[in-house]
Amino acid sequence: MREVIFSKKNKDKWLAYEERLQQNNTINPEELTIIYLDLTDDLSYALTYYPDSRLTAYLNELAGMAHRKIYKTKKESGSAILRFYLKEFPLMFYNYRKYLLWSFLAFALFTLIGIYSTSQNTDFARWIMGNAYVDMTLENIDKGDPMAVYKQANEVDMFLGITINNIKVALFTFMMGLLFGLGTLYYLMRNAIMLGAFQYFFYEHGVFWESIRTIWIHGTIEISVIIVAGAAGFIMASGILMPGTYPRSYAFKQKARDGLKVMISTIPFFIIAGFLEGFVTRHTEMPDWLAIMIILSSLALIIFYYVILPKKLYLQQKQVDYEKNI
């Protein structure tokens, strides 16, 4: 993009930011964060393509003003980590809600394929999950404890091992977005078909309810954040495939950064899922109502954080912008 076009396209926005930053009253932390991130994005672009321009110096000065404001109001705005998780990230993620939908639909489709394939071929589950696991599970079913696999390891060891493994799976799902999104789609397919085969296997052997009320205690959050990781991979891939008016390299860097933020958002959820699998899932003797409550609470938490909260913050920000322009 030529400098004159870049300047003309963003001039009014920069002037509005400058006026806002020069005001003596304290800016709302969320608004200040948005201004700072937007200015640093524009500054990064200008540094790349117009390093010696007066425009670049101007943007550097504006970004510096925003940076100083952030540190000046740091104590008033609370923890930066909490601000990221409760304000900055959800507000950003609203713009990428369609990628979450794509990831969910892909995962649901491949899960159905896993279910159908297992229903048509009794050996499919062995091919997906391995003979050793299938034979062990059949033995547990015969003993009357189909979910005994969750009781074998020490609680702490299981918690740490499962959490680290799930984070690795999610990171691979995200990073494979580099392959134009096809790698991410592959990892979603792999995990979803395994889930479908896994669930149908238990259905086929008459312990479907026992599997549902046990596995989904931790699986609700675990599977949900794998889907979120898929969305992160698609976001990064969009920078390569759909750069818009920006140079492809610049668009990729921005989308990769946003995808990484999505991945950071999943870490607390993987810890929760690991804790549930290590310490709670093993208690198959718990009453059904308690298992159902944990599952529904986990689902509500995921839907609130990745669907409801982003929309709520977006509407609040939209109202603030509207009132400023009246």
Protein backbone atom coordinates (compact mmCIF):
# COMPACT_ATOMS: atom_id res chain seq x y z
CA MET A 1 0.00 0.00 0.00
CA ARG A 2 1.40 3.43 -0.94
CA GLU A 3 2.14 5.77 1.97
CA VAL A 4 -0.32 8.42 0.83
CA ILE A 5 -3.13 5.85 0.66
CA PHE A 6 -2.18 4.39 4.05
CA SER A 7 -2.18 7.88 5.57
CA LYS A 8 -5.45 8.94 3.97
CA LYS A 9 -7.17 5.74 5.07
CA ASN A 10 -6.19 6.15 8.74
CA LYS A 11 -5.74 9.91 9.22
CA ASP A 12 -9.05 10.57 10.96
CA LYS A 13 -8.57 7.64 13.30
CA TRP A 14 -5.07 8.80 14.31
CA LEU A 15 -6.27 12.36 14.95
CA ALA A 16 -9.08 11.01 17.13
CA TYR A 17 -6.59 8.88 19.06
CA GLU A 18 -4.27 11.86 19.51
CA GLU A 19 -7.09 14.01 20.85
CA ARG A 20 -8.16 11.26 23.21
CA LEU A 21 -4.63 10.65 24.51
CA GLN A 22 -4.09 14.38 25.17
CA GLN A 23 -7.12 14.60 27.44
CA ASN A 24 -6.24 14.92 31.11
CA ASN A 25 -8.95 12.59 32.37
CA THR A 26 -8.06 8.91 32.72
CA ILE A 27 -9.00 6.82 29.74
CA ASN A 28 -10.96 3.64 30.31
CA PRO A 29 -8.34 0.80 30.45
CA GLU A 30 -10.15 -1.24 27.78
CA GLU A 31 -10.29 1.74 25.41
CA LEU A 32 -6.64 2.55 26.07
CA THR A 33 -5.66 -1.05 25.32
CA ILE A 34 -7.51 -0.98 22.01
CA ILE A 35 -5.89 2.35 21.04
CA TYR A 36 -2.42 1.12 21.96
CA LEU A 37 -2.76 -2.19 20.07
CA ASP A 38 -4.14 -0.46 16.99
CA LEU A 39 -1.37 2.16 17.00
CA THR A 40 1.37 -0.44 17.42
CA ASP A 41 -0.10 -2.40 14.51
CA ASP A 42 -0.01 0.69 12.30
CA LEU A 43 3.46 1.62 13.57
CA SER A 44 4.76 -1.88 12.80
CA TYR A 45 3.43 -1.60 9.26
CA ALA A 46 4.92 1.88 8.81
CA LEU A 47 8.31 0.77 10.16
CA THR A 48 8.33 -2.07 7.64
CA TYR A 49 7.41 -0.04 4.55
CA TYR A 50 8.19 3.62 5.36
CA PRO A 51 10.99 3.46 8.01
CA ASP A 52 12.31 6.98 7.40
CA SER A 53 8.98 8.70 6.89
CA ARG A 54 7.62 11.55 9.00
CA LEU A 55 4.44 9.50 9.23
CA THR A 56 6.37 6.72 10.99
CA ALA A 57 7.82 9.22 13.46
CA TYR A 58 4.33 10.57 14.14
CA LEU A 59 2.94 7.09 14.80
CA ASN A 60 5.90 6.30 17.04
CA GLU A 61 5.11 9.41 19.09
CA LEU A 62 1.43 8.47 19.36
CA ALA A 63 2.25 4.90 20.40
CA GLY A 64 4.65 6.32 22.99
CA MET A 65 1.89 8.51 24.41
CA ALA A 66 -0.40 5.51 24.69
CA HIS A 67 2.37 3.46 26.28
CA ARG A 68 3.00 6.11 28.94
CA LYS A 69 -0.73 6.34 29.64
CA ILE A 70 -0.87 2.60 30.18
CA TYR A 71 1.88 2.68 32.79
CA LYS A 72 0.46 5.80 34.39
CA THR A 73 -2.89 4.08 34.91
CA LYS A 74 -1.44 0.65 35.62
CA LYS A 75 -2.37 0.64 39.31
CA GLU A 76 -5.84 1.91 38.57
CA SER A 77 -6.52 -0.62 35.84
CA GLY A 78 -5.59 -3.70 37.89
CA SER A 79 -3.68 -6.79 36.89
CA ALA A 80 -2.51 -6.94 33.28
CA ILE A 81 -3.10 -10.69 33.22
CA LEU A 82 -6.67 -10.38 34.44
CA ARG A 83 -7.24 -7.53 32.00
CA PHE A 84 -6.06 -9.73 29.15
CA TYR A 85 -8.28 -12.67 30.07
CA LEU A 86 -11.38 -10.70 31.07
CA LYS A 87 -11.30 -7.74 28.68
CA GLU A 88 -8.65 -7.58 25.98
CA PHE A 89 -8.85 -11.14 24.68
CA PRO A 90 -12.66 -11.60 24.64
CA LEU A 91 -13.08 -8.26 22.86
CA MET A 92 -10.54 -9.28 20.22
CA PHE A 93 -11.98 -12.78 19.87
CA TYR A 94 -15.41 -11.45 18.90
CA ASN A 95 -13.93 -10.50 15.54
CA TYR A 96 -12.93 -14.13 14.97
CA ARG A 97 -16.16 -15.85 16.03
CA LYS A 98 -16.68 -17.28 12.54
CA TYR A 99 -13.41 -19.25 12.82
CA LEU A 100 -14.67 -20.83 16.03
CA LEU A 101 -17.86 -21.84 14.21
CA TRP A 102 -15.86 -23.35 11.33
CA SER A 103 -13.70 -25.31 13.76
CA PHE A 104 -16.75 -26.58 15.66
CA LEU A 105 -18.56 -27.65 12.48
CA ALA A 106 -15.46 -29.45 11.17
CA PHE A 107 -14.99 -31.25 14.48
CA ALA A 108 -18.67 -32.24 14.64
CA LEU A 109 -18.58 -33.57 11.07
CA PHE A 110 -15.49 -35.70 11.67
CA THR A 111 -16.94 -37.00 14.94
CA LEU A 112 -19.98 -38.23 13.02
CA ILE A 113 -17.64 -39.85 10.50
CA GLY A 114 -15.89 -41.63 13.37
CA ILE A 115 -19.23 -42.85 14.73
CA TYR A 116 -20.44 -44.03 11.33
CA SER A 117 -17.15 -45.76 10.46
CA THR A 118 -17.12 -47.67 13.76
CA SER A 119 -20.74 -48.72 13.28
CA GLN A 120 -19.91 -50.13 9.85
CA ASN A 121 -16.63 -51.85 10.70
CA THR A 122 -16.03 -53.51 14.08
CA ASP A 123 -12.25 -53.31 13.56
CA PHE A 124 -12.29 -49.54 13.04
CA ALA A 125 -12.08 -48.84 16.79
CA ARG A 126 -9.01 -51.07 17.06
CA TRP A 127 -7.40 -49.29 14.13
CA ILE A 128 -8.03 -45.87 15.72
CA MET A 129 -7.40 -46.61 19.42
CA GLY A 130 -5.00 -49.56 19.20
CA ASN A 131 -5.44 -53.23 20.13
CA ALA A 132 -3.90 -52.83 23.59
CA TYR A 133 -6.32 -50.11 24.65
CA VAL A 134 -9.37 -51.89 23.21
CA ASP A 135 -8.45 -55.21 24.85
CA MET A 136 -7.84 -53.50 28.21
CA THR A 137 -11.17 -51.69 28.02
CA LEU A 138 -13.04 -54.88 27.10
CA GLU A 139 -11.47 -56.54 30.12
CA ASN A 140 -12.59 -53.64 32.33
CA ILE A 141 -16.12 -53.88 30.92
CA ASP A 142 -16.21 -57.60 31.75
CA LYS A 143 -15.10 -56.77 35.30
CA GLY A 144 -17.97 -54.28 35.65
CA ASP A 145 -15.73 -51.18 35.76
CA PRO A 146 -15.50 -49.86 32.17
CA MET A 147 -13.84 -46.58 33.24
CA ALA A 148 -11.10 -48.24 35.32
CA VAL A 149 -8.42 -46.74 33.05
CA TYR A 150 -8.87 -43.41 34.85
CA LYS A 151 -7.98 -44.99 38.19
CA GLN A 152 -4.63 -46.52 37.29
CA ALA A 153 -2.19 -43.60 37.60
CA ASN A 154 -1.41 -41.42 40.59
CA GLU A 155 -3.63 -38.31 40.71
CA VAL A 156 -0.81 -35.75 40.51
CA ASP A 157 1.11 -37.65 37.81
CA MET A 158 -2.06 -38.03 35.76
CA PHE A 159 -2.95 -34.35 36.19
CA LEU A 160 0.47 -33.15 35.04
CA GLY A 161 0.82 -35.68 32.22
CA ILE A 162 -2.65 -35.09 30.81
CA THR A 163 -2.37 -31.29 31.03
CA ILE A 164 1.01 -31.19 29.26
CA ASN A 165 -0.14 -33.65 26.59
CA ASN A 166 -3.36 -31.71 25.90
CA ILE A 167 -1.46 -28.44 25.58
CA LYS A 168 0.95 -30.13 23.12
CA VAL A 169 -1.97 -31.41 21.04
CA ALA A 170 -3.53 -27.94 20.99
CA LEU A 171 -0.23 -26.30 20.01
CA PHE A 172 0.22 -28.74 17.12
CA THR A 173 -3.36 -28.03 16.02
CA PHE A 174 -2.60 -24.30 16.07
CA MET A 175 0.85 -24.44 14.46
CA MET A 176 -0.39 -26.63 11.61
CA GLY A 177 -2.32 -23.56 10.47
CA LEU A 178 0.96 -22.71 8.75
CA LEU A 179 0.06 -25.34 6.15
CA PHE A 180 -2.70 -23.09 4.80
CA GLY A 181 -5.07 -24.39 7.47
CA LEU A 182 -4.99 -27.94 6.10
CA GLY A 183 -2.74 -29.12 8.93
CA THR A 184 -5.16 -27.72 11.49
CA LEU A 185 -8.03 -29.43 9.71
CA TYR A 186 -6.09 -32.71 9.80
CA TYR A 187 -5.54 -32.52 13.57
CA LEU A 188 -9.19 -31.67 14.15
CA MET A 189 -10.15 -34.65 11.97
CA ARG A 190 -7.76 -36.95 13.82
CA ASN A 191 -9.08 -36.05 17.27
CA ALA A 192 -12.73 -35.93 16.22
CA ILE A 193 -12.71 -39.34 14.48
CA MET A 194 -11.01 -40.80 17.54
CA LEU A 195 -13.73 -39.31 19.76
CA GLY A 196 -16.51 -40.68 17.54
CA ALA A 197 -14.95 -44.15 17.43
CA PHE A 198 -14.35 -44.05 21.19
CA GLN A 199 -17.95 -43.16 22.04
CA TYR A 200 -19.51 -45.64 19.61
CA PHE A 201 -17.27 -48.40 20.96
CA PHE A 202 -18.79 -47.93 24.42
CA TYR A 203 -22.29 -47.70 22.95
CA GLU A 204 -21.73 -50.95 21.08
CA HIS A 205 -20.76 -52.71 24.32
CA GLY A 206 -23.71 -51.42 26.35
CA VAL A 207 -21.90 -48.94 28.58
CA PHE A 208 -22.69 -45.73 26.70
CA TRP A 209 -24.13 -43.89 29.70
CA GLU A 210 -21.23 -44.88 31.94
CA SER A 211 -18.83 -43.47 29.34
CA ILE A 212 -20.77 -40.24 28.85
CA ARG A 213 -21.17 -39.39 32.53
CA THR A 214 -17.51 -40.19 33.22
CA ILE A 215 -15.48 -39.12 30.19
CA TRP A 216 -17.24 -35.80 29.69
CA ILE A 217 -16.46 -34.68 33.23
CA HIS A 218 -13.08 -33.63 31.87
CA GLY A 219 -13.82 -34.03 28.17
CA THR A 220 -16.27 -31.13 27.96
CA ILE A 221 -13.51 -28.58 28.52
CA GLU A 222 -10.75 -30.66 26.91
CA ILE A 223 -12.58 -31.13 23.61
CA SER A 224 -13.91 -27.57 23.60
CA VAL A 225 -10.47 -26.01 23.84
CA ILE A 226 -9.13 -28.33 21.13
CA ILE A 227 -11.86 -26.80 18.95
CA VAL A 228 -10.74 -23.32 20.09
CA ALA A 229 -7.16 -24.26 19.14
CA GLY A 230 -8.50 -25.20 15.71
CA ALA A 231 -10.00 -21.73 15.45
CA ALA A 232 -6.58 -20.27 16.33
CA GLY A 233 -4.99 -22.29 13.52
CA PHE A 234 -7.59 -21.09 11.02
CA ILE A 235 -7.03 -17.49 12.16
CA MET A 236 -3.30 -17.79 11.44
CA ALA A 237 -4.00 -19.46 8.09
CA SER A 238 -6.31 -16.58 7.12
CA GLY A 239 -3.33 -14.22 7.24
CA ILE A 240 -1.76 -16.29 4.45
CA LEU A 241 -4.87 -17.03 2.42
CA MET A 242 -6.85 -13.80 2.90
CA PRO A 243 -4.48 -10.87 3.53
CA GLY A 244 -7.03 -8.30 2.36
CA THR A 245 -5.48 -4.93 1.48
CA TYR A 246 -2.31 -5.64 3.48
CA PRO A 247 0.85 -7.31 2.20
CA ARG A 248 0.70 -11.05 2.87
CA SER A 249 3.70 -11.04 5.21
CA TYR A 250 2.23 -8.26 7.33
CA ALA A 251 -1.23 -9.86 7.45
CA PHE A 252 0.30 -13.19 8.44
CA LYS A 253 2.22 -11.66 11.35
CA GLN A 254 -0.90 -9.96 12.68
CA LYS A 255 -3.07 -13.09 12.38
CA ALA A 256 -0.35 -15.29 13.89
CA ARG A 257 -0.16 -12.92 16.85
CA ASP A 258 -3.93 -13.01 17.33
CA GLY A 259 -3.93 -16.80 16.98
CA LEU A 260 -1.26 -17.00 19.68
CA LYS A 261 -3.48 -14.91 21.97
CA VAL A 262 -6.25 -17.42 21.42
CA MET A 263 -3.86 -20.19 22.46
CA ILE A 264 -2.85 -18.31 25.59
CA SER A 265 -6.53 -18.04 26.50
CA THR A 266 -6.85 -21.85 26.54
CA ILE A 267 -4.13 -22.52 29.12
CA PRO A 268 -6.33 -22.09 32.25
CA PHE A 269 -8.96 -24.35 30.69
CA PHE A 270 -6.43 -27.09 29.96
CA ILE A 271 -5.32 -26.90 33.60
CA ILE A 272 -8.93 -27.25 34.74
CA ALA A 273 -9.49 -30.19 32.36
CA GLY A 274 -6.28 -31.87 33.57
CA PHE A 275 -7.30 -31.40 37.19
CA LEU A 276 -10.73 -32.90 36.55
CA GLU A 277 -9.27 -35.89 34.71
CA GLY A 278 -6.59 -36.50 37.30
CA PHE A 279 -8.59 -35.97 40.49
CA VAL A 280 -12.32 -36.18 39.70
CA THR A 281 -13.04 -38.46 36.72
CA ARG A 282 -11.63 -41.48 38.57
CA HIS A 283 -14.49 -41.30 41.08
CA THR A 284 -16.95 -43.29 38.99
CA GLU A 285 -18.97 -44.00 42.12
CA MET A 286 -20.15 -40.37 42.31
CA PRO A 287 -23.90 -39.89 41.82
CA ASP A 288 -25.17 -39.11 38.34
CA TRP A 289 -26.51 -35.71 39.38
CA LEU A 290 -23.04 -34.57 40.47
CA ALA A 291 -21.40 -35.77 37.24
CA ILE A 292 -24.10 -34.05 35.17
CA MET A 293 -23.68 -30.83 37.17
CA ILE A 294 -19.91 -30.80 36.53
CA ILE A 295 -20.43 -31.45 32.80
CA LEU A 296 -23.10 -28.76 32.39
CA SER A 297 -21.09 -26.25 34.45
CA SER A 298 -18.03 -26.88 32.29
CA LEU A 299 -20.07 -26.41 29.11
CA ALA A 300 -21.63 -23.20 30.47
CA LEU A 301 -18.16 -21.85 31.33
CA ILE A 302 -16.85 -22.49 27.81
CA ILE A 303 -19.91 -20.98 26.11
CA PHE A 304 -19.84 -17.95 28.38
CA TYR A 305 -16.14 -17.23 27.86
CA TYR A 306 -15.84 -17.82 24.13
CA VAL A 307 -19.32 -16.84 22.92
CA ILE A 308 -21.32 -14.73 25.39
CA LEU A 309 -18.59 -12.58 26.98
CA PRO A 310 -17.00 -11.48 23.66
CA LYS A 311 -20.39 -10.39 22.33
CA LYS A 312 -21.24 -8.61 25.59
CA LEU A 313 -17.96 -6.65 25.60
CA TYR A 314 -18.31 -5.83 21.90
CA LEU A 315 -21.79 -4.37 22.43
CA GLN A 316 -20.55 -2.38 25.43
CA GLN A 317 -17.66 -0.97 23.40
CA LYS A 318 -20.00 -0.18 20.53
CA GLN A 319 -22.25 1.76 22.92
CA VAL A 320 -19.25 3.68 24.30
CA ASP A 321 -18.15 4.60 20.76
CA TYR A 322 -21.69 5.68 19.87
CA GLU A 323 -21.97 7.94 22.92
CA LYS A 324 -18.61 9.54 22.16
CA ASN A 325 -19.74 10.43 18.66
CA ILE A 326 -23.07 11.96 19.66
